[in-house]
C-alpha atoms as a PDB file:
ATOM      1  CA  UNK A   1     -13.136  -8.902 -87.050  1.00  0.00           C
ATOM      2  CA  UNK A   2     -12.481 -11.556 -84.405  1.00  0.00           C
ATOM      3  CA  UNK A   3      -9.369 -10.907 -83.250  1.00  0.00           C
ATOM      4  CA  UNK A   4     -10.234  -6.687 -83.232  1.00  0.00           C
ATOM      5  CA  UNK A   5     -13.188  -7.920 -80.556  1.00  0.00           C
ATOM      6  CA  UNK A   6     -10.139  -9.946 -78.385  1.00  0.00           C
ATOM      7  CA  UNK A   7      -7.885  -6.803 -78.884  1.00  0.00           C
ATOM      8  CA  UNK A   8     -10.698  -4.243 -77.975  1.00  0.00           C
ATOM      9  CA  UNK A   9     -11.388  -6.474 -74.716  1.00  0.00           C
ATOM     10  CA  UNK A  10      -7.578  -7.046 -73.880  1.00  0.00           C
ATOM     11  CA  UNK A  11      -5.920  -3.346 -74.231  1.00  0.00           C
ATOM     12  CA  UNK A  12      -7.513  -1.765 -71.177  1.00  0.00           C
ATOM     13  CA  UNK A  13      -6.852  -4.801 -68.988  1.00  0.00           C
ATOM     14  CA  UNK A  14      -3.719  -4.622 -70.080  1.00  0.00           C
ATOM     15  CA  UNK A  15      -3.466  -0.462 -69.829  1.00  0.00           C
ATOM     16  CA  UNK A  16      -4.660  -0.590 -66.507  1.00  0.00           C
ATOM     17  CA  UNK A  17      -2.138  -3.275 -65.547  1.00  0.00           C
ATOM     18  CA  UNK A  18       0.715  -1.338 -66.767  1.00  0.00           C
ATOM     19  CA  UNK A  19      -0.094   1.142 -64.272  1.00  0.00           C
ATOM     20  CA  UNK A  20       0.536  -1.477 -61.101  1.00  0.00           C
ATOM     21  CA  UNK A  21       3.551  -3.061 -62.594  1.00  0.00           C
ATOM     22  CA  UNK A  22       6.403  -0.040 -61.785  1.00  0.00           C
ATOM     23  CA  UNK A  23       5.514  -0.823 -58.512  1.00  0.00           C
ATOM     24  CA  UNK A  24       6.569  -4.881 -58.830  1.00  0.00           C
ATOM     25  CA  UNK A  25      10.048  -5.288 -57.971  1.00  0.00           C
ATOM     26  CA  UNK A  26      11.248  -7.019 -60.654  1.00  0.00           C
ATOM     27  CA  UNK A  27      14.901  -7.771 -59.544  1.00  0.00           C
ATOM     28  CA  UNK A  28      12.954 -10.319 -56.860  1.00  0.00           C
ATOM     29  CA  UNK A  29      12.783 -12.595 -59.725  1.00  0.00           C
ATOM     30  CA  UNK A  30      16.060 -13.029 -60.498  1.00  0.00           C
ATOM     31  CA  UNK A  31      17.224 -16.537 -59.370  1.00  0.00           C
ATOM     32  CA  UNK A  32      19.855 -15.497 -57.650  1.00  0.00           C
ATOM     33  CA  UNK A  33      17.784 -13.837 -55.221  1.00  0.00           C
ATOM     34  CA  UNK A  34      14.839 -16.734 -54.462  1.00  0.00           C
ATOM     35  CA  UNK A  35      16.374 -17.642 -51.438  1.00  0.00           C
ATOM     36  CA  UNK A  36      16.677 -14.151 -49.954  1.00  0.00           C
ATOM     37  CA  UNK A  37      19.345 -11.903 -49.040  1.00  0.00           C
ATOM     38  CA  UNK A  38      20.593 -11.436 -45.224  1.00  0.00           C
ATOM     39  CA  UNK A  39      21.359  -7.897 -44.926  1.00  0.00           C
ATOM     40  CA  UNK A  40      23.507  -7.000 -41.796  1.00  0.00           C
ATOM     41  CA  UNK A  41      24.574  -4.149 -40.119  1.00  0.00           C
ATOM     42  CA  UNK A  42      28.515  -4.064 -39.723  1.00  0.00           C
ATOM     43  CA  UNK A  43      30.916  -1.321 -39.160  1.00  0.00           C
ATOM     44  CA  UNK A  44      31.964  -2.004 -43.245  1.00  0.00           C
ATOM     45  CA  UNK A  45      28.165  -0.511 -43.514  1.00  0.00           C
ATOM     46  CA  UNK A  46      24.607  -1.610 -44.142  1.00  0.00           C
ATOM     47  CA  UNK A  47      25.010  -5.167 -46.484  1.00  0.00           C
ATOM     48  CA  UNK A  48      26.771  -3.550 -49.586  1.00  0.00           C
ATOM     49  CA  UNK A  49      26.249  -0.138 -48.628  1.00  0.00           C
ATOM     50  CA  UNK A  50      29.636   1.503 -47.658  1.00  0.00           C
ATOM     51  CA  UNK A  51      30.968   4.884 -46.739  1.00  0.00           C
ATOM     52  CA  UNK A  52      32.305   4.477 -50.305  1.00  0.00           C
ATOM     53  CA  UNK A  53      28.966   3.701 -52.011  1.00  0.00           C
ATOM     54  CA  UNK A  54      28.195   6.481 -53.885  1.00  0.00           C
ATOM     55  CA  UNK A  55      24.857   8.771 -53.017  1.00  0.00           C
ATOM     56  CA  UNK A  56      22.951   8.045 -56.008  1.00  0.00           C
ATOM     57  CA  UNK A  57      19.862   5.775 -56.333  1.00  0.00           C
ATOM     58  CA  UNK A  58      21.350   3.449 -58.872  1.00  0.00           C
ATOM     59  CA  UNK A  59      23.926   2.686 -56.637  1.00  0.00           C
ATOM     60  CA  UNK A  60      22.150   2.129 -53.463  1.00  0.00           C
ATOM     61  CA  UNK A  61      19.708   0.115 -55.032  1.00  0.00           C
ATOM     62  CA  UNK A  62      22.389  -2.251 -56.669  1.00  0.00           C
ATOM     63  CA  UNK A  63      24.064  -2.365 -52.783  1.00  0.00           C
ATOM     64  CA  UNK A  64      20.434  -3.645 -51.594  1.00  0.00           C
ATOM     65  CA  UNK A  65      19.903  -5.705 -54.593  1.00  0.00           C
ATOM     66  CA  UNK A  66      16.956  -4.850 -55.345  1.00  0.00           C
ATOM     67  CA  UNK A  67      15.365  -5.735 -52.358  1.00  0.00           C
ATOM     68  CA  UNK A  68      13.687  -2.165 -51.288  1.00  0.00           C
ATOM     69  CA  UNK A  69      11.579   0.074 -52.880  1.00  0.00           C
ATOM     70  CA  UNK A  70      14.004   3.277 -53.182  1.00  0.00           C
ATOM     71  CA  UNK A  71      12.303   7.118 -53.001  1.00  0.00           C
ATOM     72  CA  UNK A  72      14.540   9.958 -52.401  1.00  0.00           C
ATOM     73  CA  UNK A  73      14.147  13.367 -50.849  1.00  0.00           C
ATOM     74  CA  UNK A  74      15.693  16.589 -49.665  1.00  0.00           C
ATOM     75  CA  UNK A  75      15.996  17.925 -45.773  1.00  0.00           C
ATOM     76  CA  UNK A  76      17.845  20.933 -44.132  1.00  0.00           C
ATOM     77  CA  UNK A  77      20.587  19.608 -41.654  1.00  0.00           C
ATOM     78  CA  UNK A  78      22.542  21.815 -39.890  1.00  0.00           C
ATOM     79  CA  UNK A  79      21.993  24.535 -42.010  1.00  0.00           C
ATOM     80  CA  UNK A  80      22.605  23.252 -45.893  1.00  0.00           C
ATOM     81  CA  UNK A  81      20.527  20.996 -47.870  1.00  0.00           C
ATOM     82  CA  UNK A  82      21.292  17.523 -47.917  1.00  0.00           C
ATOM     83  CA  UNK A  83      19.964  14.496 -49.766  1.00  0.00           C
ATOM     84  CA  UNK A  84      18.628  11.549 -48.504  1.00  0.00           C
ATOM     85  CA  UNK A  85      17.051   8.302 -49.774  1.00  0.00           C
ATOM     86  CA  UNK A  86      14.637   6.316 -48.066  1.00  0.00           C
ATOM     87  CA  UNK A  87      14.036   2.505 -48.868  1.00  0.00           C
ATOM     88  CA  UNK A  88      10.803   0.756 -48.479  1.00  0.00           C
ATOM     89  CA  UNK A  89      10.121  -2.973 -47.777  1.00  0.00           C
ATOM     90  CA  UNK A  90       6.726  -3.803 -48.344  1.00  0.00           C
ATOM     91  CA  UNK A  91       5.316  -0.425 -48.317  1.00  0.00           C
ATOM     92  CA  UNK A  92       7.485   0.384 -44.640  1.00  0.00           C
ATOM     93  CA  UNK A  93       9.944   2.523 -43.824  1.00  0.00           C
ATOM     94  CA  UNK A  94      13.308  -0.165 -43.878  1.00  0.00           C
ATOM     95  CA  UNK A  95      16.334   2.056 -44.129  1.00  0.00           C
ATOM     96  CA  UNK A  96      16.965   6.124 -44.363  1.00  0.00           C
ATOM     97  CA  UNK A  97      20.440   6.265 -46.202  1.00  0.00           C
ATOM     98  CA  UNK A  98      22.144  10.605 -45.839  1.00  0.00           C
ATOM     99  CA  UNK A  99      25.449  11.113 -47.435  1.00  0.00           C
ATOM    100  CA  UNK A 100      27.471  14.068 -47.261  1.00  0.00           C
ATOM    101  CA  UNK A 101      29.766  15.191 -50.390  1.00  0.00           C
ATOM    102  CA  UNK A 102      28.444  12.515 -52.849  1.00  0.00           C
ATOM    103  CA  UNK A 103      29.067   9.132 -50.588  1.00  0.00           C
ATOM    104  CA  UNK A 104      26.692   7.667 -47.650  1.00  0.00           C
ATOM    105  CA  UNK A 105      27.656   8.771 -44.077  1.00  0.00           C
ATOM    106  CA  UNK A 106      24.781   7.728 -42.402  1.00  0.00           C
ATOM    107  CA  UNK A 107      22.363   4.975 -42.550  1.00  0.00           C
ATOM    108  CA  UNK A 108      19.184   4.844 -40.050  1.00  0.00           C
ATOM    109  CA  UNK A 109      17.867   1.184 -39.920  1.00  0.00           C
ATOM    110  CA  UNK A 110      14.161   0.501 -39.422  1.00  0.00           C
ATOM    111  CA  UNK A 111      13.800  -3.015 -40.994  1.00  0.00           C
ATOM    112  CA  UNK A 112      13.288  -5.795 -38.052  1.00  0.00           C
ATOM    113  CA  UNK A 113      14.644  -8.294 -40.037  1.00  0.00           C
ATOM    114  CA  UNK A 114      18.610  -6.284 -40.304  1.00  0.00           C
ATOM    115  CA  UNK A 115      20.490  -7.439 -37.401  1.00  0.00           C
ATOM    116  CA  UNK A 116      23.974  -6.332 -36.149  1.00  0.00           C
ATOM    117  CA  UNK A 117      27.001  -8.388 -37.023  1.00  0.00           C
ATOM    118  CA  UNK A 118      26.115  -9.447 -33.234  1.00  0.00           C
ATOM    119  CA  UNK A 119      22.599  -9.929 -33.752  1.00  0.00           C
ATOM    120  CA  UNK A 120      20.912  -6.938 -32.147  1.00  0.00           C
ATOM    121  CA  UNK A 121      17.846  -5.813 -33.679  1.00  0.00           C
ATOM    122  CA  UNK A 122      14.889  -3.568 -33.063  1.00  0.00           C
ATOM    123  CA  UNK A 123      13.483  -5.026 -29.967  1.00  0.00           C
ATOM    124  CA  UNK A 124      16.445  -5.864 -28.634  1.00  0.00           C
ATOM    125  CA  UNK A 125      16.501  -4.793 -24.786  1.00  0.00           C
ATOM    126  CA  UNK A 126      18.784  -2.637 -23.406  1.00  0.00           C
ATOM    127  CA  UNK A 127      19.520  -4.569 -20.040  1.00  0.00           C
ATOM    128  CA  UNK A 128      20.951  -7.710 -22.838  1.00  0.00           C
ATOM    129  CA  UNK A 129      23.808  -5.064 -24.318  1.00  0.00           C
ATOM    130  CA  UNK A 130      24.137  -2.874 -21.050  1.00  0.00           C
ATOM    131  CA  UNK A 131      24.121  -2.646 -17.010  1.00  0.00           C
ATOM    132  CA  UNK A 132      24.414   1.170 -17.283  1.00  0.00           C
ATOM    133  CA  UNK A 133      23.908   4.176 -19.281  1.00  0.00           C
ATOM    134  CA  UNK A 134      26.976   6.505 -17.905  1.00  0.00           C
ATOM    135  CA  UNK A 135      30.049   5.989 -20.264  1.00  0.00           C
ATOM    136  CA  UNK A 136      27.643   4.043 -23.178  1.00  0.00           C
ATOM    137  CA  UNK A 137      24.980   6.425 -23.787  1.00  0.00           C
ATOM    138  CA  UNK A 138      23.572   9.970 -24.273  1.00  0.00           C
ATOM    139  CA  UNK A 139      20.284  11.594 -24.943  1.00  0.00           C
ATOM    140  CA  UNK A 140      19.666  10.980 -28.474  1.00  0.00           C
ATOM    141  CA  UNK A 141      19.051  14.481 -30.719  1.00  0.00           C
ATOM    142  CA  UNK A 142      16.516  15.373 -33.648  1.00  0.00           C
ATOM    143  CA  UNK A 143      14.250  12.795 -34.898  1.00  0.00           C
ATOM    144  CA  UNK A 144      15.356  10.381 -31.933  1.00  0.00           C
ATOM    145  CA  UNK A 145      15.108  13.339 -29.015  1.00  0.00           C
ATOM    146  CA  UNK A 146      12.649  10.701 -27.261  1.00  0.00           C
ATOM    147  CA  UNK A 147      15.320   8.284 -27.070  1.00  0.00           C
ATOM    148  CA  UNK A 148      18.741   7.131 -25.713  1.00  0.00           C
ATOM    149  CA  UNK A 149      21.260   6.523 -28.151  1.00  0.00           C
ATOM    150  CA  UNK A 150      24.213   4.206 -27.298  1.00  0.00           C
ATOM    151  CA  UNK A 151      27.392   3.183 -29.199  1.00  0.00           C
ATOM    152  CA  UNK A 152      27.523  -0.147 -29.954  1.00  0.00           C
ATOM    153  CA  UNK A 153      30.294  -1.838 -27.859  1.00  0.00           C
ATOM    154  CA  UNK A 154      33.253  -2.936 -29.746  1.00  0.00           C
ATOM    155  CA  UNK A 155      31.937  -0.815 -32.586  1.00  0.00           C
ATOM    156  CA  UNK A 156      33.654   2.609 -34.098  1.00  0.00           C
ATOM    157  CA  UNK A 157      30.702   3.023 -36.275  1.00  0.00           C
ATOM    158  CA  UNK A 158      27.268   1.740 -35.329  1.00  0.00           C
ATOM    159  CA  UNK A 159      24.886   2.555 -32.647  1.00  0.00           C
ATOM    160  CA  UNK A 160      22.030   1.965 -30.932  1.00  0.00           C
ATOM    161  CA  UNK A 161      18.514   3.952 -30.848  1.00  0.00           C
ATOM    162  CA  UNK A 162      16.218   3.146 -27.342  1.00  0.00           C
ATOM    163  CA  UNK A 163      12.952   4.483 -26.694  1.00  0.00           C
ATOM    164  CA  UNK A 164      10.476   3.264 -23.859  1.00  0.00           C
ATOM    165  CA  UNK A 165       8.324   5.382 -21.537  1.00  0.00           C
ATOM    166  CA  UNK A 166       9.279   7.224 -19.505  1.00  0.00           C
ATOM    167  CA  UNK A 167       7.492  10.451 -18.212  1.00  0.00           C
ATOM    168  CA  UNK A 168      10.396  12.475 -16.840  1.00  0.00           C
ATOM    169  CA  UNK A 169      11.940  16.130 -17.294  1.00  0.00           C
ATOM    170  CA  UNK A 170      12.684  17.009 -20.888  1.00  0.00           C
ATOM    171  CA  UNK A 171      16.316  17.124 -22.040  1.00  0.00           C
ATOM    172  CA  UNK A 172      17.558  14.526 -19.025  1.00  0.00           C
ATOM    173  CA  UNK A 173      17.996  10.783 -19.317  1.00  0.00           C
ATOM    174  CA  UNK A 174      16.065   8.189 -17.748  1.00  0.00           C
ATOM    175  CA  UNK A 175      17.579   6.550 -15.256  1.00  0.00           C
ATOM    176  CA  UNK A 176      19.087   3.303 -15.659  1.00  0.00           C
ATOM    177  CA  UNK A 177      16.267   1.408 -13.709  1.00  0.00           C
ATOM    178  CA  UNK A 178      13.975   3.032 -16.258  1.00  0.00           C
ATOM    179  CA  UNK A 179      16.117   1.913 -19.183  1.00  0.00           C
ATOM    180  CA  UNK A 180      16.352  -1.304 -18.527  1.00  0.00           C
ATOM    181  CA  UNK A 181      12.745  -1.881 -20.127  1.00  0.00           C
ATOM    182  CA  UNK A 182      13.616   0.180 -23.051  1.00  0.00           C
ATOM    183  CA  UNK A 183      14.054  -2.093 -26.444  1.00  0.00           C
ATOM    184  CA  UNK A 184      16.188  -0.604 -29.178  1.00  0.00           C
ATOM    185  CA  UNK A 185      14.429   0.944 -31.989  1.00  0.00           C
ATOM    186  CA  UNK A 186      16.619   2.281 -34.352  1.00  0.00           C
ATOM    187  CA  UNK A 187      20.024   0.897 -35.897  1.00  0.00           C
ATOM    188  CA  UNK A 188      22.301   3.603 -37.070  1.00  0.00           C
ATOM    189  CA  UNK A 189      25.571   2.990 -38.584  1.00  0.00           C
ATOM    190  CA  UNK A 190      28.150   6.305 -39.435  1.00  0.00           C
ATOM    191  CA  UNK A 191      30.970   6.733 -41.343  1.00  0.00           C
END
């Protein structure tokens, strides 16, 4: 009878705990992940995500070593429906992985802990990388239309989106003296 009372008392607690265990990142318990993993963005990709990575939840999760919680979605882009994955870190959007033809084609990096192989990360000032926008930058489009997108120096696959305060006409790029106060708000890798 005593063991039955114990089961009746413990069972609700165990069942309540099961609902929260799905959000636990179990791969962080692996000994090889105890000291953290360094994810960076280079011409090859972001961390272990490259152009050869299949656009599947398992492949992306494996490439990120399980350090992020993934969720998937669908959106329209240039008149076509495309699939994407969002990687969340501490319930904050950290990466958006887009693809086409079943492979990764673009990764938007919003994680403040991820830097380029040159040390550029969210918050890096425009003046640290560029003297002027001409020849380096264009007005950003889509979700980033309030910013300026600049090719990373010496890279074919990386660009940076800079944002900041400006009250000029919509659709025009700010002058260099305005851009000098802007900072990186997103790093982008494209295939």
